[in-house]
């Protein structure tokens, strides 16, 4: 299952999506909104996403992982919109016959989601300021694209 959603993510639903009787290992990574970043108190954040490209990127990441490791089902679920501290922002779940492959694949998939997917994060701080973070990592068509610009694509 590959999904982008503006609704809360159900850990149980994601975990169920990868259950497979041929797989003895299920590894799930759950990324939550934390209350701090670089010494600033974070109150909330918002994710913007270029949906079509992000979904295609997720599919490619899963396909590449399945070429490298013997995997069963793989799920990536990422939220967009406004999130508050403690909310689940992303879950990657991986099933495999063995735990080593499941752990390695889950970690690698999450790394690639952060590196490749056109998803932008804006943090809102206690002092009233806000800023886009890690946006410089995402480049589309040779130029940097901020979260606001992504809506225009």
N, C-alpha and C. Protein backbone atom coordinates (compact mmCIF):
# COMPACT_ATOMS: atom_id res chain seq x y z
N UNK A 1 0.85 -1.17 0.00
CA UNK A 1 0.00 0.00 0.00
C UNK A 1 0.90 1.24 0.00
N UNK A 2 0.58 2.14 -0.86
CA UNK A 2 1.28 3.41 -0.97
C UNK A 2 0.21 4.48 -0.81
N UNK A 3 0.43 5.42 0.13
CA UNK A 3 -0.60 6.44 0.29
C UNK A 3 -0.07 7.76 0.81
N UNK A 4 -0.76 8.81 0.39
CA UNK A 4 -0.62 10.15 0.97
C UNK A 4 -2.00 10.46 1.53
N UNK A 5 -2.04 11.06 2.72
CA UNK A 5 -3.32 11.33 3.34
C UNK A 5 -3.27 12.59 4.17
N UNK A 6 -4.38 13.27 4.26
CA UNK A 6 -4.47 14.41 5.16
C UNK A 6 -5.19 14.02 6.46
N UNK A 7 -5.47 12.75 6.60
CA UNK A 7 -6.13 12.20 7.79
C UNK A 7 -5.10 11.51 8.69
N UNK A 8 -5.40 11.37 9.97
CA UNK A 8 -4.48 10.63 10.85
C UNK A 8 -4.21 9.22 10.31
N UNK A 9 -2.97 8.79 10.47
CA UNK A 9 -2.56 7.47 10.00
C UNK A 9 -2.79 6.46 11.13
N UNK A 10 -3.38 5.34 10.79
CA UNK A 10 -3.62 4.26 11.75
C UNK A 10 -2.46 3.28 11.70
N UNK A 11 -1.70 3.21 12.79
CA UNK A 11 -0.59 2.26 12.86
C UNK A 11 -1.09 0.84 12.65
N UNK A 12 -2.20 0.50 13.28
CA UNK A 12 -2.74 -0.85 13.17
C UNK A 12 -3.10 -1.20 11.72
N UNK A 13 -3.71 -0.25 11.01
CA UNK A 13 -4.07 -0.49 9.61
C UNK A 13 -2.82 -0.70 8.75
N UNK A 14 -1.79 0.10 8.99
CA UNK A 14 -0.55 -0.04 8.22
C UNK A 14 0.11 -1.37 8.53
N UNK A 15 0.17 -1.73 9.79
CA UNK A 15 0.77 -3.00 10.17
C UNK A 15 0.02 -4.17 9.52
N UNK A 16 -1.30 -4.13 9.55
CA UNK A 16 -2.12 -5.17 8.91
C UNK A 16 -1.87 -5.27 7.42
N UNK A 17 -1.55 -4.14 6.77
CA UNK A 17 -1.38 -4.13 5.32
C UNK A 17 -0.19 -4.94 4.84
N UNK A 18 0.74 -5.26 5.74
CA UNK A 18 1.93 -6.01 5.33
C UNK A 18 1.96 -7.44 5.86
N UNK A 19 0.95 -7.84 6.60
CA UNK A 19 0.92 -9.20 7.14
C UNK A 19 0.84 -10.20 5.99
N UNK A 20 1.72 -11.20 6.05
CA UNK A 20 1.85 -12.18 4.98
C UNK A 20 2.32 -13.49 5.63
N UNK A 21 1.63 -14.60 5.41
CA UNK A 21 2.01 -15.85 6.07
C UNK A 21 3.38 -16.37 5.64
N UNK A 22 3.93 -15.86 4.54
CA UNK A 22 5.27 -16.29 4.12
C UNK A 22 6.37 -15.47 4.77
N UNK A 23 5.98 -14.45 5.51
CA UNK A 23 6.96 -13.54 6.11
C UNK A 23 6.95 -13.65 7.64
N UNK A 24 8.10 -13.93 8.20
CA UNK A 24 8.21 -14.06 9.65
C UNK A 24 8.63 -12.78 10.34
N UNK A 25 8.94 -11.75 9.57
CA UNK A 25 9.40 -10.49 10.16
C UNK A 25 8.58 -9.33 9.59
N UNK A 26 8.13 -8.47 10.49
CA UNK A 26 7.49 -7.22 10.11
C UNK A 26 8.18 -6.12 10.89
N UNK A 27 8.71 -5.13 10.17
CA UNK A 27 9.36 -3.99 10.80
C UNK A 27 8.62 -2.74 10.36
N UNK A 28 8.30 -1.90 11.34
CA UNK A 28 7.60 -0.65 11.06
C UNK A 28 8.39 0.51 11.63
N UNK A 29 8.58 1.54 10.82
CA UNK A 29 9.14 2.79 11.30
C UNK A 29 8.00 3.79 11.36
N UNK A 30 7.88 4.46 12.49
CA UNK A 30 6.85 5.46 12.70
C UNK A 30 7.52 6.78 13.00
N UNK A 31 7.34 7.77 12.12
CA UNK A 31 7.90 9.10 12.33
C UNK A 31 6.81 10.02 12.88
N UNK A 32 7.08 10.63 14.02
CA UNK A 32 6.10 11.52 14.67
C UNK A 32 6.64 12.94 14.74
N UNK A 33 5.73 13.88 14.86
CA UNK A 33 6.10 15.28 15.01
C UNK A 33 6.68 15.46 16.41
N UNK A 34 7.91 15.97 16.47
CA UNK A 34 8.55 16.21 17.77
C UNK A 34 8.38 17.69 18.16
N UNK A 35 8.65 17.98 19.42
CA UNK A 35 8.37 19.32 19.94
C UNK A 35 9.58 20.27 19.90
N UNK A 36 10.63 19.91 19.17
CA UNK A 36 11.80 20.79 19.11
C UNK A 36 12.56 20.58 17.81
N UNK A 37 13.30 21.61 17.42
CA UNK A 37 14.20 21.53 16.26
C UNK A 37 15.23 22.64 16.39
N UNK A 38 16.49 22.27 16.44
CA UNK A 38 17.60 23.22 16.53
C UNK A 38 17.39 24.27 17.60
N UNK A 39 17.01 23.81 18.79
CA UNK A 39 16.87 24.69 19.94
C UNK A 39 15.57 25.48 19.99
N UNK A 40 14.69 25.30 19.01
CA UNK A 40 13.41 26.00 19.01
C UNK A 40 12.30 25.04 19.39
N UNK A 41 11.31 25.57 20.12
CA UNK A 41 10.17 24.74 20.51
C UNK A 41 9.16 24.73 19.36
N UNK A 42 8.89 23.55 18.84
CA UNK A 42 7.95 23.36 17.74
C UNK A 42 6.55 23.14 18.30
N UNK A 43 5.58 23.91 17.80
CA UNK A 43 4.19 23.73 18.21
C UNK A 43 3.42 22.86 17.22
N UNK A 44 3.73 23.03 15.95
CA UNK A 44 3.06 22.25 14.91
C UNK A 44 3.87 22.36 13.63
N UNK A 45 3.45 21.63 12.64
CA UNK A 45 4.09 21.76 11.33
C UNK A 45 3.06 21.46 10.25
N UNK A 46 3.44 21.79 9.04
CA UNK A 46 2.60 21.43 7.91
C UNK A 46 3.48 20.86 6.81
N UNK A 47 2.92 19.85 6.17
CA UNK A 47 3.59 19.24 5.03
C UNK A 47 2.84 19.63 3.77
N UNK A 48 3.60 20.01 2.75
CA UNK A 48 3.06 20.18 1.42
C UNK A 48 3.70 19.12 0.54
N UNK A 49 2.96 18.69 -0.47
CA UNK A 49 3.42 17.57 -1.28
C UNK A 49 3.01 17.76 -2.73
N UNK A 50 3.86 17.36 -3.63
CA UNK A 50 3.54 17.26 -5.05
C UNK A 50 3.07 15.81 -5.21
N UNK A 51 1.76 15.60 -5.07
CA UNK A 51 1.18 14.26 -4.88
C UNK A 51 1.55 13.25 -5.95
N UNK A 52 1.32 13.58 -7.20
CA UNK A 52 1.56 12.60 -8.27
C UNK A 52 3.02 12.15 -8.28
N UNK A 53 3.92 13.11 -8.17
CA UNK A 53 5.34 12.77 -8.19
C UNK A 53 5.74 11.99 -6.93
N UNK A 54 5.20 12.37 -5.79
CA UNK A 54 5.53 11.67 -4.54
C UNK A 54 5.07 10.22 -4.61
N UNK A 55 3.86 9.98 -5.08
CA UNK A 55 3.36 8.60 -5.18
C UNK A 55 4.21 7.78 -6.14
N UNK A 56 4.57 8.36 -7.28
CA UNK A 56 5.45 7.66 -8.22
C UNK A 56 6.82 7.37 -7.59
N UNK A 57 7.32 8.33 -6.82
CA UNK A 57 8.60 8.14 -6.13
C UNK A 57 8.51 7.00 -5.13
N UNK A 58 7.42 6.95 -4.37
CA UNK A 58 7.23 5.87 -3.40
C UNK A 58 7.23 4.51 -4.11
N UNK A 59 6.53 4.42 -5.22
CA UNK A 59 6.47 3.16 -5.97
C UNK A 59 7.87 2.75 -6.43
N UNK A 60 8.62 3.69 -6.96
CA UNK A 60 9.98 3.39 -7.41
C UNK A 60 10.87 2.94 -6.26
N UNK A 61 10.77 3.61 -5.12
CA UNK A 61 11.56 3.25 -3.95
C UNK A 61 11.25 1.81 -3.52
N UNK A 62 9.97 1.46 -3.49
CA UNK A 62 9.56 0.10 -3.10
C UNK A 62 10.08 -0.92 -4.12
N UNK A 63 9.95 -0.61 -5.40
CA UNK A 63 10.44 -1.53 -6.44
C UNK A 63 11.94 -1.77 -6.29
N UNK A 64 12.69 -0.70 -6.04
CA UNK A 64 14.14 -0.85 -5.88
C UNK A 64 14.48 -1.66 -4.64
N UNK A 65 13.74 -1.45 -3.56
CA UNK A 65 13.98 -2.22 -2.34
C UNK A 65 13.70 -3.70 -2.58
N UNK A 66 12.64 -3.99 -3.32
CA UNK A 66 12.31 -5.39 -3.59
C UNK A 66 13.33 -6.06 -4.51
N UNK A 67 14.05 -5.27 -5.30
CA UNK A 67 15.13 -5.83 -6.12
C UNK A 67 16.35 -6.17 -5.26
N UNK A 68 16.54 -5.41 -4.19
CA UNK A 68 17.72 -5.60 -3.34
C UNK A 68 17.50 -6.64 -2.25
N UNK A 69 16.32 -6.66 -1.65
CA UNK A 69 16.02 -7.58 -0.56
C UNK A 69 14.84 -8.46 -0.93
N UNK A 70 14.76 -9.64 -0.33
CA UNK A 70 13.60 -10.51 -0.52
C UNK A 70 12.50 -10.04 0.43
N UNK A 71 11.57 -9.28 -0.11
CA UNK A 71 10.52 -8.68 0.70
C UNK A 71 9.16 -9.18 0.30
N UNK A 72 8.28 -9.17 1.27
CA UNK A 72 6.86 -9.41 0.99
C UNK A 72 6.21 -8.05 0.72
N UNK A 73 5.18 -7.75 1.49
CA UNK A 73 4.48 -6.48 1.32
C UNK A 73 5.28 -5.33 1.93
N UNK A 74 5.16 -4.16 1.29
CA UNK A 74 5.78 -2.94 1.79
C UNK A 74 4.72 -1.84 1.73
N UNK A 75 4.64 -1.06 2.79
CA UNK A 75 3.71 0.06 2.83
C UNK A 75 4.45 1.34 3.19
N UNK A 76 4.11 2.40 2.47
CA UNK A 76 4.56 3.75 2.82
C UNK A 76 3.30 4.60 2.94
N UNK A 77 3.14 5.25 4.08
CA UNK A 77 2.02 6.16 4.29
C UNK A 77 2.56 7.47 4.85
N UNK A 78 2.28 8.57 4.17
CA UNK A 78 2.79 9.87 4.60
C UNK A 78 1.65 10.87 4.67
N UNK A 79 1.61 11.64 5.74
CA UNK A 79 0.59 12.67 5.89
C UNK A 79 1.02 13.97 5.24
N UNK A 80 0.04 14.78 4.92
CA UNK A 80 0.29 16.16 4.50
C UNK A 80 -0.74 17.04 5.20
N UNK A 81 -0.54 18.33 5.13
CA UNK A 81 -1.42 19.26 5.83
C UNK A 81 -0.86 19.60 7.19
N UNK A 82 -1.74 20.08 8.07
CA UNK A 82 -1.34 20.54 9.41
C UNK A 82 -1.28 19.37 10.39
N UNK A 83 -0.15 19.25 11.10
CA UNK A 83 0.05 18.22 12.12
C UNK A 83 0.52 18.88 13.40
N UNK A 84 0.16 18.29 14.52
CA UNK A 84 0.59 18.81 15.81
C UNK A 84 1.57 17.84 16.45
N UNK A 85 2.22 18.29 17.51
CA UNK A 85 3.21 17.47 18.21
C UNK A 85 2.59 16.13 18.60
N UNK A 86 3.31 15.07 18.29
CA UNK A 86 2.85 13.71 18.61
C UNK A 86 2.13 13.02 17.47
N UNK A 87 1.66 13.77 16.48
CA UNK A 87 0.97 13.14 15.35
C UNK A 87 1.95 12.28 14.55
N UNK A 88 1.44 11.19 13.99
CA UNK A 88 2.23 10.35 13.09
C UNK A 88 2.30 11.07 11.75
N UNK A 89 3.52 11.32 11.27
CA UNK A 89 3.73 11.98 9.99
C UNK A 89 3.97 10.96 8.88
N UNK A 90 4.64 9.87 9.21
CA UNK A 90 4.99 8.87 8.20
C UNK A 90 5.15 7.51 8.86
N UNK A 91 4.75 6.49 8.12
CA UNK A 91 5.02 5.11 8.54
C UNK A 91 5.53 4.34 7.32
N UNK A 92 6.61 3.60 7.53
CA UNK A 92 7.10 2.64 6.56
C UNK A 92 7.01 1.28 7.23
N UNK A 93 6.35 0.34 6.57
CA UNK A 93 6.21 -1.02 7.11
C UNK A 93 6.70 -2.00 6.06
N UNK A 94 7.49 -2.96 6.52
CA UNK A 94 8.12 -3.92 5.62
C UNK A 94 7.96 -5.33 6.19
N UNK A 95 7.58 -6.26 5.34
CA UNK A 95 7.52 -7.67 5.72
C UNK A 95 8.57 -8.44 4.90
N UNK A 96 9.21 -9.38 5.57
CA UNK A 96 10.20 -10.22 4.93
C UNK A 96 10.24 -11.56 5.66
N UNK A 97 10.84 -12.53 5.02
CA UNK A 97 10.95 -13.83 5.67
C UNK A 97 11.84 -13.75 6.91
N UNK A 98 12.81 -12.82 6.89
CA UNK A 98 13.79 -12.74 7.97
C UNK A 98 13.97 -11.30 8.45
N UNK A 99 14.30 -11.16 9.74
CA UNK A 99 14.36 -9.83 10.35
C UNK A 99 15.46 -8.94 9.79
N UNK A 100 16.63 -9.49 9.47
CA UNK A 100 17.73 -8.66 8.99
C UNK A 100 17.32 -7.89 7.74
N UNK A 101 16.73 -8.58 6.79
CA UNK A 101 16.28 -7.93 5.56
C UNK A 101 15.19 -6.89 5.84
N UNK A 102 14.28 -7.24 6.74
CA UNK A 102 13.18 -6.32 7.07
C UNK A 102 13.72 -5.03 7.69
N UNK A 103 14.65 -5.15 8.64
CA UNK A 103 15.24 -3.96 9.26
C UNK A 103 16.01 -3.13 8.25
N UNK A 104 16.86 -3.78 7.47
CA UNK A 104 17.67 -3.05 6.48
C UNK A 104 16.80 -2.35 5.47
N UNK A 105 15.81 -3.05 4.95
CA UNK A 105 14.94 -2.47 3.93
C UNK A 105 14.12 -1.32 4.48
N UNK A 106 13.58 -1.48 5.67
CA UNK A 106 12.76 -0.42 6.27
C UNK A 106 13.58 0.85 6.43
N UNK A 107 14.78 0.72 6.96
CA UNK A 107 15.65 1.88 7.15
C UNK A 107 16.01 2.53 5.81
N UNK A 108 16.38 1.73 4.83
CA UNK A 108 16.76 2.26 3.52
C UNK A 108 15.58 2.94 2.83
N UNK A 109 14.40 2.35 2.93
CA UNK A 109 13.21 2.95 2.31
C UNK A 109 12.93 4.30 2.95
N UNK A 110 12.98 4.39 4.26
CA UNK A 110 12.71 5.67 4.92
C UNK A 110 13.75 6.71 4.52
N UNK A 111 15.01 6.32 4.43
CA UNK A 111 16.06 7.24 3.99
C UNK A 111 15.74 7.79 2.60
N UNK A 112 15.31 6.92 1.70
CA UNK A 112 15.02 7.35 0.33
C UNK A 112 13.75 8.21 0.26
N UNK A 113 12.77 7.93 1.08
CA UNK A 113 11.57 8.78 1.13
C UNK A 113 11.98 10.19 1.49
N UNK A 114 12.79 10.35 2.53
CA UNK A 114 13.22 11.68 2.95
C UNK A 114 14.08 12.36 1.90
N UNK A 115 14.89 11.58 1.20
CA UNK A 115 15.82 12.14 0.22
C UNK A 115 15.14 12.47 -1.11
N UNK A 116 14.22 11.63 -1.56
CA UNK A 116 13.70 11.76 -2.92
C UNK A 116 12.30 12.35 -3.06
N UNK A 117 11.44 12.12 -2.10
CA UNK A 117 10.03 12.49 -2.27
C UNK A 117 9.84 14.01 -2.21
N UNK A 118 9.06 14.56 -3.12
CA UNK A 118 8.80 16.01 -3.13
C UNK A 118 7.76 16.37 -2.06
N UNK A 119 8.24 16.34 -0.81
CA UNK A 119 7.41 16.67 0.35
C UNK A 119 8.19 17.72 1.14
N UNK A 120 7.49 18.82 1.45
CA UNK A 120 8.13 19.94 2.14
C UNK A 120 7.50 20.15 3.51
N UNK A 121 8.34 20.51 4.48
CA UNK A 121 7.88 20.65 5.86
C UNK A 121 8.11 22.08 6.34
N UNK A 122 7.06 22.67 6.88
CA UNK A 122 7.15 24.00 7.49
C UNK A 122 6.86 23.86 8.98
N UNK A 123 7.83 24.29 9.80
CA UNK A 123 7.66 24.21 11.24
C UNK A 123 7.16 25.53 11.79
N UNK A 124 6.26 25.45 12.77
CA UNK A 124 5.72 26.62 13.45
C UNK A 124 6.23 26.58 14.89
N UNK A 125 6.87 27.68 15.32
CA UNK A 125 7.55 27.71 16.61
C UNK A 125 6.78 28.50 17.66
N UNK A 126 7.13 28.25 18.91
CA UNK A 126 6.50 28.90 20.06
C UNK A 126 6.64 30.42 20.00
N UNK A 127 7.74 30.91 19.44
CA UNK A 127 7.97 32.36 19.39
C UNK A 127 7.19 33.06 18.27
N UNK A 128 6.33 32.31 17.57
CA UNK A 128 5.52 32.89 16.50
C UNK A 128 6.15 32.80 15.12
N UNK A 129 7.41 32.44 15.06
CA UNK A 129 8.08 32.30 13.76
C UNK A 129 7.74 30.96 13.15
N UNK A 130 7.99 30.85 11.85
CA UNK A 130 7.88 29.57 11.15
C UNK A 130 8.91 29.56 10.04
N UNK A 131 9.30 28.34 9.64
CA UNK A 131 10.26 28.23 8.54
C UNK A 131 10.14 26.87 7.86
N UNK A 132 10.46 26.88 6.56
CA UNK A 132 10.54 25.63 5.80
C UNK A 132 11.86 25.00 6.13
N UNK A 133 11.85 23.71 6.45
CA UNK A 133 13.09 23.03 6.84
C UNK A 133 13.42 21.92 5.85
N UNK A 134 14.71 21.78 5.56
CA UNK A 134 15.26 20.75 4.68
C UNK A 134 14.75 20.85 3.25
N UNK A 135 14.18 21.98 2.85
CA UNK A 135 13.67 22.13 1.50
C UNK A 135 14.78 22.12 0.45
N UNK A 136 15.98 22.50 0.85
CA UNK A 136 17.08 22.56 -0.12
C UNK A 136 17.44 21.19 -0.66
N UNK A 137 16.98 20.12 -0.03
CA UNK A 137 17.30 18.78 -0.50
C UNK A 137 16.48 18.39 -1.72
N UNK A 138 15.37 19.08 -1.95
CA UNK A 138 14.47 18.69 -3.03
C UNK A 138 14.61 19.63 -4.21
N UNK A 139 14.92 19.07 -5.34
CA UNK A 139 15.12 19.84 -6.56
C UNK A 139 14.26 19.23 -7.66
N UNK A 140 13.49 20.07 -8.32
CA UNK A 140 12.67 19.62 -9.44
C UNK A 140 13.06 20.40 -10.67
N UNK A 141 13.25 19.73 -11.75
CA UNK A 141 13.57 20.34 -13.03
C UNK A 141 14.76 21.28 -12.93
N UNK A 142 15.76 20.87 -12.14
CA UNK A 142 17.00 21.61 -12.07
C UNK A 142 17.01 22.81 -11.14
N UNK A 143 15.89 23.16 -10.55
CA UNK A 143 15.86 24.32 -9.67
C UNK A 143 15.23 23.97 -8.35
N UNK A 144 15.57 24.72 -7.33
CA UNK A 144 14.98 24.47 -6.02
C UNK A 144 13.52 24.87 -6.04
N UNK A 145 12.70 24.08 -5.38
CA UNK A 145 11.28 24.35 -5.32
C UNK A 145 10.87 24.39 -3.86
N UNK A 146 10.33 25.52 -3.43
CA UNK A 146 9.86 25.61 -2.05
C UNK A 146 8.48 24.99 -1.95
N UNK A 147 8.00 24.83 -0.75
CA UNK A 147 6.67 24.28 -0.55
C UNK A 147 5.60 25.08 -1.26
N UNK A 148 5.66 26.41 -1.19
CA UNK A 148 4.66 27.23 -1.85
C UNK A 148 4.74 27.07 -3.37
N UNK A 149 5.95 26.99 -3.88
CA UNK A 149 6.10 26.83 -5.32
C UNK A 149 5.61 25.49 -5.80
N UNK A 150 5.66 24.48 -4.94
CA UNK A 150 5.24 23.14 -5.33
C UNK A 150 3.77 23.13 -5.74
N UNK A 151 2.96 23.98 -5.13
CA UNK A 151 1.54 24.02 -5.47
C UNK A 151 1.32 24.49 -6.90
N UNK A 152 2.28 25.22 -7.44
CA UNK A 152 2.13 25.76 -8.79
C UNK A 152 2.52 24.78 -9.87
N UNK A 153 3.16 23.68 -9.50
CA UNK A 153 3.60 22.69 -10.50
C UNK A 153 2.46 21.89 -11.05
